Amino acid sequence: MNRENKIFSKVSFFMFILGLILFIIAITLFLTGQDIKYYTRFHHWGWFAWGISFLASIVSFIRKEPGKLKMIPYIGALIFGVIIVICLLYWSFHFV
């Protein structure tokens, strides 16, 4: 498979790293006692980035894209994606 066809692998890797950075910023804001709205903004965008990473990693696995790239970000994205789904299911039934 040539280089152009690995777009979902690259998107998954990039969004995983972006989500990780956003969560580190959110945790730092939380620990330094900043206003909660700034913390939640970075926290929600971190979940959004990991959700996109999860979807892109599923597509890349279906298309058998990962190739020579390291598998750890894909496995991490899948794990965090499952956590997102479980949290969404919990929140949807908990707040009804």
PDB file of N, CA and C in Angstrom:
ATOM      1  N   MET A   1       0.851  -1.165   0.000  1.00  0.00           N
ATOM      2  CA  MET A   1       0.000   0.000   0.000  1.00  0.00           C
ATOM      3  C   MET A   1       0.904   1.237   0.000  1.00  0.00           C
ATOM      4  N   ASN A   2       0.630   2.143  -0.899  1.00  0.00           N
ATOM      5  CA  ASN A   2       1.503   3.309  -0.988  1.00  0.00           C
ATOM      6  C   ASN A   2       1.188   4.331   0.103  1.00  0.00           C
ATOM      7  N   ARG A   3       1.999   5.358   0.133  1.00  0.00           N
ATOM      8  CA  ARG A   3       1.977   6.322   1.227  1.00  0.00           C
ATOM      9  C   ARG A   3       0.668   7.112   1.325  1.00  0.00           C
ATOM     10  N   GLU A   4       0.033   7.424   0.214  1.00  0.00           N
ATOM     11  CA  GLU A   4      -1.181   8.241   0.241  1.00  0.00           C
ATOM     12  C   GLU A   4      -2.355   7.498   0.867  1.00  0.00           C
ATOM     13  N   ASN A   5      -2.332   6.182   0.841  1.00  0.00           N
ATOM     14  CA  ASN A   5      -3.467   5.413   1.330  1.00  0.00           C
ATOM     15  C   ASN A   5      -3.450   5.189   2.833  1.00  0.00           C
ATOM     16  N   LYS A   6      -2.469   5.709   3.528  1.00  0.00           N
ATOM     17  CA  LYS A   6      -2.399   5.523   4.976  1.00  0.00           C
ATOM     18  C   LYS A   6      -2.913   6.747   5.727  1.00  0.00           C
ATOM     19  N   ILE A   7      -3.858   7.441   5.151  1.00  0.00           N
ATOM     20  CA  ILE A   7      -4.340   8.689   5.735  1.00  0.00           C
ATOM     21  C   ILE A   7      -5.026   8.459   7.077  1.00  0.00           C
ATOM     22  N   PHE A   8      -5.805   7.387   7.210  1.00  0.00           N
ATOM     23  CA  PHE A   8      -6.515   7.159   8.467  1.00  0.00           C
ATOM     24  C   PHE A   8      -5.554   6.790   9.592  1.00  0.00           C
ATOM     25  N   SER A   9      -4.481   6.096   9.264  1.00  0.00           N
ATOM     26  CA  SER A   9      -3.463   5.784  10.273  1.00  0.00           C
ATOM     27  C   SER A   9      -2.816   7.059  10.786  1.00  0.00           C
ATOM     28  N   LYS A  10      -2.513   7.962   9.877  1.00  0.00           N
ATOM     29  CA  LYS A  10      -1.877   9.219  10.269  1.00  0.00           C
ATOM     30  C   LYS A  10      -2.836  10.107  11.058  1.00  0.00           C
ATOM     31  N   VAL A  11      -4.108  10.145  10.638  1.00  0.00           N
ATOM     32  CA  VAL A  11      -5.106  10.936  11.365  1.00  0.00           C
ATOM     33  C   VAL A  11      -5.282  10.387  12.778  1.00  0.00           C
ATOM     34  N   SER A  12      -5.356   9.066  12.899  1.00  0.00           N
ATOM     35  CA  SER A  12      -5.517   8.451  14.210  1.00  0.00           C
ATOM     36  C   SER A  12      -4.335   8.779  15.117  1.00  0.00           C
ATOM     37  N   PHE A  13      -3.138   8.669  14.603  1.00  0.00           N
ATOM     38  CA  PHE A  13      -1.942   8.956  15.396  1.00  0.00           C
ATOM     39  C   PHE A  13      -1.904  10.423  15.812  1.00  0.00           C
ATOM     40  N   PHE A  14      -2.170  11.333  14.868  1.00  0.00           N
ATOM     41  CA  PHE A  14      -2.132  12.765  15.156  1.00  0.00           C
ATOM     42  C   PHE A  14      -3.195  13.156  16.186  1.00  0.00           C
ATOM     43  N   MET A  15      -4.406  12.640  16.025  1.00  0.00           N
ATOM     44  CA  MET A  15      -5.480  13.002  16.945  1.00  0.00           C
ATOM     45  C   MET A  15      -5.259  12.400  18.335  1.00  0.00           C
ATOM     46  N   PHE A  16      -4.629  11.234  18.392  1.00  0.00           N
ATOM     47  CA  PHE A  16      -4.302  10.647  19.694  1.00  0.00           C
ATOM     48  C   PHE A  16      -3.320  11.536  20.446  1.00  0.00           C
ATOM     49  N   ILE A  17      -2.284  11.989  19.746  1.00  0.00           N
ATOM     50  CA  ILE A  17      -1.291  12.869  20.367  1.00  0.00           C
ATOM     51  C   ILE A  17      -1.929  14.204  20.754  1.00  0.00           C
ATOM     52  N   LEU A  18      -2.774  14.756  19.879  1.00  0.00           N
ATOM     53  CA  LEU A  18      -3.455  16.015  20.175  1.00  0.00           C
ATOM     54  C   LEU A  18      -4.351  15.878  21.404  1.00  0.00           C
ATOM     55  N   GLY A  19      -5.097  14.777  21.481  1.00  0.00           N
ATOM     56  CA  GLY A  19      -5.943  14.535  22.647  1.00  0.00           C
ATOM     57  C   GLY A  19      -5.134  14.416  23.922  1.00  0.00           C
ATOM     58  N   LEU A  20      -3.994  13.759  23.832  1.00  0.00           N
ATOM     59  CA  LEU A  20      -3.117  13.616  24.994  1.00  0.00           C
ATOM     60  C   LEU A  20      -2.610  14.977  25.465  1.00  0.00           C
ATOM     61  N   ILE A  21      -2.221  15.822  24.530  1.00  0.00           N
ATOM     62  CA  ILE A  21      -1.758  17.173  24.874  1.00  0.00           C
ATOM     63  C   ILE A  21      -2.884  17.982  25.520  1.00  0.00           C
ATOM     64  N   LEU A  22      -4.094  17.885  24.959  1.00  0.00           N
ATOM     65  CA  LEU A  22      -5.226  18.621  25.522  1.00  0.00           C
ATOM     66  C   LEU A  22      -5.550  18.154  26.937  1.00  0.00           C
ATOM     67  N   PHE A  23      -5.451  16.849  27.179  1.00  0.00           N
ATOM     68  CA  PHE A  23      -5.703  16.350  28.530  1.00  0.00           C
ATOM     69  C   PHE A  23      -4.623  16.790  29.510  1.00  0.00           C
ATOM     70  N   ILE A  24      -3.394  16.848  29.064  1.00  0.00           N
ATOM     71  CA  ILE A  24      -2.319  17.333  29.938  1.00  0.00           C
ATOM     72  C   ILE A  24      -2.558  18.800  30.303  1.00  0.00           C
ATOM     73  N   ILE A  25      -2.984  19.595  29.318  1.00  0.00           N
ATOM     74  CA  ILE A  25      -3.310  20.999  29.595  1.00  0.00           C
ATOM     75  C   ILE A  25      -4.482  21.087  30.567  1.00  0.00           C
ATOM     76  N   ALA A  26      -5.515  20.256  30.349  1.00  0.00           N
ATOM     77  CA  ALA A  26      -6.688  20.281  31.230  1.00  0.00           C
ATOM     78  C   ALA A  26      -6.318  19.902  32.655  1.00  0.00           C
ATOM     79  N   ILE A  27      -5.508  18.871  32.809  1.00  0.00           N
ATOM     80  CA  ILE A  27      -5.094  18.454  34.153  1.00  0.00           C
ATOM     81  C   ILE A  27      -4.258  19.542  34.820  1.00  0.00           C
ATOM     82  N   THR A  28      -3.390  20.184  34.046  1.00  0.00           N
ATOM     83  CA  THR A  28      -2.579  21.274  34.591  1.00  0.00           C
ATOM     84  C   THR A  28      -3.456  22.432  35.049  1.00  0.00           C
ATOM     85  N   LEU A  29      -4.450  22.788  34.237  1.00  0.00           N
ATOM     86  CA  LEU A  29      -5.369  23.862  34.629  1.00  0.00           C
ATOM     87  C   LEU A  29      -6.149  23.490  35.880  1.00  0.00           C
ATOM     88  N   PHE A  30      -6.564  22.232  35.963  1.00  0.00           N
ATOM     89  CA  PHE A  30      -7.322  21.782  37.131  1.00  0.00           C
ATOM     90  C   PHE A  30      -6.471  21.829  38.396  1.00  0.00           C
ATOM     91  N   LEU A  31      -5.236  21.381  38.289  1.00  0.00           N
ATOM     92  CA  LEU A  31      -4.367  21.329  39.468  1.00  0.00           C
ATOM     93  C   LEU A  31      -3.898  22.707  39.925  1.00  0.00           C
ATOM     94  N   THR A  32      -3.853  23.665  38.998  1.00  0.00           N
ATOM     95  CA  THR A  32      -3.428  25.011  39.381  1.00  0.00           C
ATOM     96  C   THR A  32      -4.586  25.863  39.876  1.00  0.00           C
ATOM     97  N   GLY A  33      -5.792  25.312  39.897  1.00  0.00           N
ATOM     98  CA  GLY A  33      -6.934  26.020  40.456  1.00  0.00           C
ATOM     99  C   GLY A  33      -7.543  27.063  39.541  1.00  0.00           C
ATOM    100  N   GLN A  34      -7.395  26.907  38.254  1.00  0.00           N
ATOM    101  CA  GLN A  34      -8.002  27.851  37.312  1.00  0.00           C
ATOM    102  C   GLN A  34      -9.520  27.674  37.302  1.00  0.00           C
ATOM    103  N   ASP A  35     -10.186  28.589  36.618  1.00  0.00           N
ATOM    104  CA  ASP A  35     -11.636  28.520  36.498  1.00  0.00           C
ATOM    105  C   ASP A  35     -12.033  27.209  35.820  1.00  0.00           C
ATOM    106  N   ILE A  36     -13.110  26.609  36.297  1.00  0.00           N
ATOM    107  CA  ILE A  36     -13.516  25.285  35.816  1.00  0.00           C
ATOM    108  C   ILE A  36     -13.919  25.301  34.337  1.00  0.00           C
ATOM    109  N   LYS A  37     -14.353  26.455  33.822  1.00  0.00           N
ATOM    110  CA  LYS A  37     -14.771  26.488  32.418  1.00  0.00           C
ATOM    111  C   LYS A  37     -13.585  26.281  31.476  1.00  0.00           C
ATOM    112  N   TYR A  38     -12.396  26.732  31.870  1.00  0.00           N
ATOM    113  CA  TYR A  38     -11.220  26.501  31.030  1.00  0.00           C
ATOM    114  C   TYR A  38     -10.812  25.035  31.067  1.00  0.00           C
ATOM    115  N   TYR A  39     -10.900  24.451  32.255  1.00  0.00           N
ATOM    116  CA  TYR A  39     -10.592  23.024  32.387  1.00  0.00           C
ATOM    117  C   TYR A  39     -11.530  22.182  31.531  1.00  0.00           C
ATOM    118  N   THR A  40     -12.844  22.451  31.628  1.00  0.00           N
ATOM    119  CA  THR A  40     -13.805  21.629  30.884  1.00  0.00           C
ATOM    120  C   THR A  40     -13.670  21.827  29.383  1.00  0.00           C
ATOM    121  N   ARG A  41     -13.295  23.009  28.963  1.00  0.00           N
ATOM    122  CA  ARG A  41     -13.113  23.243  27.531  1.00  0.00           C
ATOM    123  C   ARG A  41     -12.012  22.342  26.970  1.00  0.00           C
ATOM    124  N   PHE A  42     -10.860  22.334  27.609  1.00  0.00           N
ATOM    125  CA  PHE A  42      -9.767  21.474  27.145  1.00  0.00           C
ATOM    126  C   PHE A  42     -10.107  20.002  27.336  1.00  0.00           C
ATOM    127  N   HIS A  43     -10.799  19.678  28.412  1.00  0.00           N
ATOM    128  CA  HIS A  43     -11.185  18.303  28.684  1.00  0.00           C
ATOM    129  C   HIS A  43     -12.117  17.772  27.592  1.00  0.00           C
ATOM    130  N   HIS A  44     -13.127  18.553  27.227  1.00  0.00           N
ATOM    131  CA  HIS A  44     -14.066  18.110  26.193  1.00  0.00           C
ATOM    132  C   HIS A  44     -13.401  18.020  24.824  1.00  0.00           C
ATOM    133  N   TRP A  45     -12.538  18.966  24.500  1.00  0.00           N
ATOM    134  CA  TRP A  45     -11.832  18.881  23.220  1.00  0.00           C
ATOM    135  C   TRP A  45     -10.881  17.689  23.196  1.00  0.00           C
ATOM    136  N   GLY A  46     -10.319  17.330  24.338  1.00  0.00           N
ATOM    137  CA  GLY A  46      -9.489  16.128  24.413  1.00  0.00           C
ATOM    138  C   GLY A  46     -10.291  14.875  24.121  1.00  0.00           C
ATOM    139  N   TRP A  47     -11.503  14.781  24.697  1.00  0.00           N
ATOM    140  CA  TRP A  47     -12.365  13.635  24.390  1.00  0.00           C
ATOM    141  C   TRP A  47     -12.760  13.626  22.920  1.00  0.00           C
ATOM    142  N   PHE A  48     -13.024  14.798  22.366  1.00  0.00           N
ATOM    143  CA  PHE A  48     -13.386  14.885  20.951  1.00  0.00           C
ATOM    144  C   PHE A  48     -12.243  14.384  20.072  1.00  0.00           C
ATOM    145  N   ALA A  49     -11.018  14.801  20.374  1.00  0.00           N
ATOM    146  CA  ALA A  49      -9.859  14.357  19.588  1.00  0.00           C
ATOM    147  C   ALA A  49      -9.671  12.853  19.705  1.00  0.00           C
ATOM    148  N   TRP A  50      -9.850  12.303  20.918  1.00  0.00           N
ATOM    149  CA  TRP A  50      -9.698  10.861  21.081  1.00  0.00           C
ATOM    150  C   TRP A  50     -10.840  10.098  20.419  1.00  0.00           C
ATOM    151  N   GLY A  51     -12.017  10.704  20.348  1.00  0.00           N
ATOM    152  CA  GLY A  51     -13.122  10.068  19.621  1.00  0.00           C
ATOM    153  C   GLY A  51     -12.818   9.966  18.136  1.00  0.00           C
ATOM    154  N   ILE A  52     -12.273  11.035  17.560  1.00  0.00           N
ATOM    155  CA  ILE A  52     -11.887  10.996  16.147  1.00  0.00           C
ATOM    156  C   ILE A  52     -10.757   9.998  15.941  1.00  0.00           C
ATOM    157  N   SER A  53      -9.824   9.947  16.869  1.00  0.00           N
ATOM    158  CA  SER A  53      -8.735   8.980  16.788  1.00  0.00           C
ATOM    159  C   SER A  53      -9.278   7.557  16.823  1.00  0.00           C
ATOM    160  N   PHE A  54     -10.271   7.319  17.658  1.00  0.00           N
ATOM    161  CA  PHE A  54     -10.909   6.005  17.750  1.00  0.00           C
ATOM    162  C   PHE A  54     -11.562   5.618  16.426  1.00  0.00           C
ATOM    163  N   LEU A  55     -12.329   6.533  15.849  1.00  0.00           N
ATOM    164  CA  LEU A  55     -12.992   6.238  14.572  1.00  0.00           C
ATOM    165  C   LEU A  55     -11.982   6.022  13.450  1.00  0.00           C
ATOM    166  N   ALA A  56     -10.953   6.853  13.402  1.00  0.00           N
ATOM    167  CA  ALA A  56      -9.935   6.698  12.359  1.00  0.00           C
ATOM    168  C   ALA A  56      -9.162   5.398  12.525  1.00  0.00           C
ATOM    169  N   SER A  57      -8.923   4.988  13.767  1.00  0.00           N
ATOM    170  CA  SER A  57      -8.201   3.732  13.971  1.00  0.00           C
ATOM    171  C   SER A  57      -9.049   2.538  13.568  1.00  0.00           C
ATOM    172  N   ILE A  58     -10.363   2.609  13.780  1.00  0.00           N
ATOM    173  CA  ILE A  58     -11.237   1.525  13.321  1.00  0.00           C
ATOM    174  C   ILE A  58     -11.192   1.423  11.804  1.00  0.00           C
ATOM    175  N   VAL A  59     -11.290   2.566  11.127  1.00  0.00           N
ATOM    176  CA  VAL A  59     -11.236   2.559   9.663  1.00  0.00           C
ATOM    177  C   VAL A  59      -9.888   2.048   9.178  1.00  0.00           C
ATOM    178  N   SER A  60      -8.811   2.446   9.839  1.00  0.00           N
ATOM    179  CA  SER A  60      -7.489   1.992   9.402  1.00  0.00           C
ATOM    180  C   SER A  60      -7.311   0.498   9.639  1.00  0.00           C
ATOM    181  N   PHE A  61      -7.900  -0.045  10.711  1.00  0.00           N
ATOM    182  CA  PHE A  61      -7.836  -1.493  10.928  1.00  0.00           C
ATOM    183  C   PHE A  61      -8.650  -2.235   9.877  1.00  0.00           C
ATOM    184  N   ILE A  62      -9.819  -1.703   9.545  1.00  0.00           N
ATOM    185  CA  ILE A  62     -10.653  -2.345   8.528  1.00  0.00           C
ATOM    186  C   ILE A  62      -9.942  -2.340   7.183  1.00  0.00           C
ATOM    187  N   ARG A  63      -9.282  -1.236   6.862  1.00  0.00           N
ATOM    188  CA  ARG A  63      -8.569  -1.133   5.585  1.00  0.00           C
ATOM    189  C   ARG A  63      -7.171  -1.728   5.647  1.00  0.00           C
ATOM    190  N   LYS A  64      -6.784  -2.246   6.820  1.00  0.00           N
ATOM    191  CA  LYS A  64      -5.459  -2.852   7.034  1.00  0.00           C
ATOM    192  C   LYS A  64      -4.343  -1.865   6.708  1.00  0.00           C
ATOM    193  N   GLU A  65      -4.476  -0.650   7.237  1.00  0.00           N
ATOM    194  CA  GLU A  65      -3.523   0.417   6.961  1.00  0.00           C
ATOM    195  C   GLU A  65      -2.304   0.491   7.868  1.00  0.00           C
ATOM    196  N   PRO A  66      -2.370   0.125   9.141  1.00  0.00           N
ATOM    197  CA  PRO A  66      -1.305   0.526  10.064  1.00  0.00           C
ATOM    198  C   PRO A  66       0.117   0.254   9.607  1.00  0.00           C
ATOM    199  N   GLY A  67       0.364  -0.851   8.950  1.00  0.00           N
ATOM    200  CA  GLY A  67       1.674  -1.103   8.372  1.00  0.00           C
ATOM    201  C   GLY A  67       2.804  -1.020   9.369  1.00  0.00           C
ATOM    202  N   LYS A  68       3.805  -0.189   9.054  1.00  0.00           N
ATOM    203  CA  LYS A  68       5.014  -0.110   9.867  1.00  0.00           C
ATOM    204  C   LYS A  68       4.900   0.859  11.037  1.00  0.00           C
ATOM    205  N   LEU A  69       3.830   1.649  11.091  1.00  0.00           N
ATOM    206  CA  LEU A  69       3.673   2.569  12.218  1.00  0.00           C
ATOM    207  C   LEU A  69       3.475   1.776  13.501  1.00  0.00           C
ATOM    208  N   LYS A  70       3.850   2.353  14.597  1.00  0.00           N
ATOM    209  CA  LYS A  70       3.708   1.679  15.887  1.00  0.00           C
ATOM    210  C   LYS A  70       2.233   1.436  16.196  1.00  0.00           C
ATOM    211  N   MET A  71       1.943   0.317  16.812  1.00  0.00           N
ATOM    212  CA  MET A  71       0.565  -0.063  17.100  1.00  0.00           C
ATOM    213  C   MET A  71       0.060   0.510  18.424  1.00  0.00           C
ATOM    214  N   ILE A  72       0.936   0.994  19.279  1.00  0.00           N
ATOM    215  CA  ILE A  72       0.521   1.465  20.602  1.00  0.00           C
ATOM    216  C   ILE A  72      -0.514   2.594  20.522  1.00  0.00           C
ATOM    217  N   PRO A  73      -0.336   3.621  19.659  1.00  0.00           N
ATOM    218  CA  PRO A  73      -1.371   4.662  19.601  1.00  0.00           C
ATOM    219  C   PRO A  73      -2.724   4.137  19.142  1.00  0.00           C
ATOM    220  N   TYR A  74      -2.721   3.137  18.264  1.00  0.00           N
ATOM    221  CA  TYR A  74      -3.991   2.588  17.798  1.00  0.00           C
ATOM    222  C   TYR A  74      -4.685   1.818  18.906  1.00  0.00           C
ATOM    223  N   ILE A  75      -3.910   1.031  19.629  1.00  0.00           N
ATOM    224  CA  ILE A  75      -4.485   0.284  20.746  1.00  0.00           C
ATOM    225  C   ILE A  75      -4.970   1.257  21.815  1.00  0.00           C
ATOM    226  N   GLY A  76      -4.177   2.288  22.091  1.00  0.00           N
ATOM    227  CA  GLY A  76      -4.588   3.305  23.056  1.00  0.00           C
ATOM    228  C   GLY A  76      -5.850   4.022  22.617  1.00  0.00           C
ATOM    229  N   ALA A  77      -5.937   4.357  21.336  1.00  0.00           N
ATOM    230  CA  ALA A  77      -7.130   5.029  20.825  1.00  0.00           C
ATOM    231  C   ALA A  77      -8.346   4.120  20.920  1.00  0.00           C
ATOM    232  N   LEU A  78      -8.164   2.841  20.655  1.00  0.00           N
ATOM    233  CA  LEU A  78      -9.284   1.910  20.771  1.00  0.00           C
ATOM    234  C   LEU A  78      -9.740   1.780  22.223  1.00  0.00           C
ATOM    235  N   ILE A  79      -8.789   1.707  23.139  1.00  0.00           N
ATOM    236  CA  ILE A  79      -9.145   1.605  24.557  1.00  0.00           C
ATOM    237  C   ILE A  79      -9.885   2.859  25.012  1.00  0.00           C
ATOM    238  N   PHE A  80      -9.354   4.031  24.668  1.00  0.00           N
ATOM    239  CA  PHE A  80     -10.016   5.264  25.076  1.00  0.00           C
ATOM    240  C   PHE A  80     -11.348   5.448  24.352  1.00  0.00           C
ATOM    241  N   GLY A  81     -11.453   4.951  23.136  1.00  0.00           N
ATOM    242  CA  GLY A  81     -12.730   4.991  22.438  1.00  0.00           C
ATOM    243  C   GLY A  81     -13.777   4.150  23.135  1.00  0.00           C
ATOM    244  N   VAL A  82     -13.383   2.976  23.598  1.00  0.00           N
ATOM    245  CA  VAL A  82     -14.309   2.125  24.351  1.00  0.00           C
ATOM    246  C   VAL A  82     -14.703   2.809  25.655  1.00  0.00           C
ATOM    247  N   ILE A  83     -13.750   3.463  26.300  1.00  0.00           N
ATOM    248  CA  ILE A  83     -14.067   4.205  27.526  1.00  0.00           C
ATOM    249  C   ILE A  83     -15.066   5.321  27.224  1.00  0.00           C
ATOM    250  N   ILE A  84     -14.892   6.014  26.101  1.00  0.00           N
ATOM    251  CA  ILE A  84     -15.822   7.076  25.708  1.00  0.00           C
ATOM    252  C   ILE A  84     -17.221   6.510  25.533  1.00  0.00           C
ATOM    253  N   VAL A  85     -17.324   5.379  24.831  1.00  0.00           N
ATOM    254  CA  VAL A  85     -18.635   4.768  24.592  1.00  0.00           C
ATOM    255  C   VAL A  85     -19.278   4.349  25.910  1.00  0.00           C
ATOM    256  N   ILE A  86     -18.504   3.748  26.800  1.00  0.00           N
ATOM    257  CA  ILE A  86     -19.044   3.332  28.099  1.00  0.00           C
ATOM    258  C   ILE A  86     -19.507   4.550  28.899  1.00  0.00           C
ATOM    259  N   CYS A  87     -18.713   5.617  28.900  1.00  0.00           N
ATOM    260  CA  CYS A  87     -19.101   6.837  29.620  1.00  0.00           C
ATOM    261  C   CYS A  87     -20.356   7.455  29.027  1.00  0.00           C
ATOM    262  N   LEU A  88     -20.443   7.488  27.711  1.00  0.00           N
ATOM    263  CA  LEU A  88     -21.637   8.051  27.079  1.00  0.00           C
ATOM    264  C   LEU A  88     -22.875   7.228  27.408  1.00  0.00           C
ATOM    265  N   LEU A  89     -22.735   5.902  27.392  1.00  0.00           N
ATOM    266  CA  LEU A  89     -23.867   5.052  27.765  1.00  0.00           C
ATOM    267  C   LEU A  89     -24.246   5.263  29.228  1.00  0.00           C
ATOM    268  N   TYR A  90     -23.256   5.361  30.091  1.00  0.00           N
ATOM    269  CA  TYR A  90     -23.530   5.587  31.513  1.00  0.00           C
ATOM    270  C   TYR A  90     -24.247   6.916  31.719  1.00  0.00           C
ATOM    271  N   TRP A  91     -23.715   7.972  31.097  1.00  0.00           N
ATOM    272  CA  TRP A  91     -24.319   9.288  31.270  1.00  0.00           C
ATOM    273  C   TRP A  91     -25.712   9.357  30.664  1.00  0.00           C
ATOM    274  N   SER A  92     -25.926   8.671  29.551  1.00  0.00           N
ATOM    275  CA  SER A  92     -27.239   8.735  28.917  1.00  0.00           C
ATOM    276  C   SER A  92     -28.296   8.037  29.770  1.00  0.00           C
ATOM    277  N   PHE A  93     -27.927   6.960  30.477  1.00  0.00           N
ATOM    278  CA  PHE A  93     -28.899   6.272  31.323  1.00  0.00           C
ATOM    279  C   PHE A  93     -28.929   6.839  32.746  1.00  0.00           C
ATOM    280  N   HIS A  94     -27.846   7.433  33.177  1.00  0.00           N
ATOM    281  CA  HIS A  94     -27.765   7.952  34.537  1.00  0.00           C
ATOM    282  C   HIS A  94     -28.564   9.243  34.709  1.00  0.00           C
ATOM    283  N   PHE A  95     -28.572  10.078  33.701  1.00  0.00           N
ATOM    284  CA  PHE A  95     -29.230  11.376  33.810  1.00  0.00           C
ATOM    285  C   PHE A  95     -30.621  11.404  33.203  1.00  0.00           C
ATOM    286  N   VAL A  96     -31.197  10.237  32.941  1.00  0.00           N
ATOM    287  CA  VAL A  96     -32.549  10.190  32.359  1.00  0.00           C
ATOM    288  C   VAL A  96     -33.580  10.352  33.436  1.00  0.00           C
TER     289      VAL A  96
END
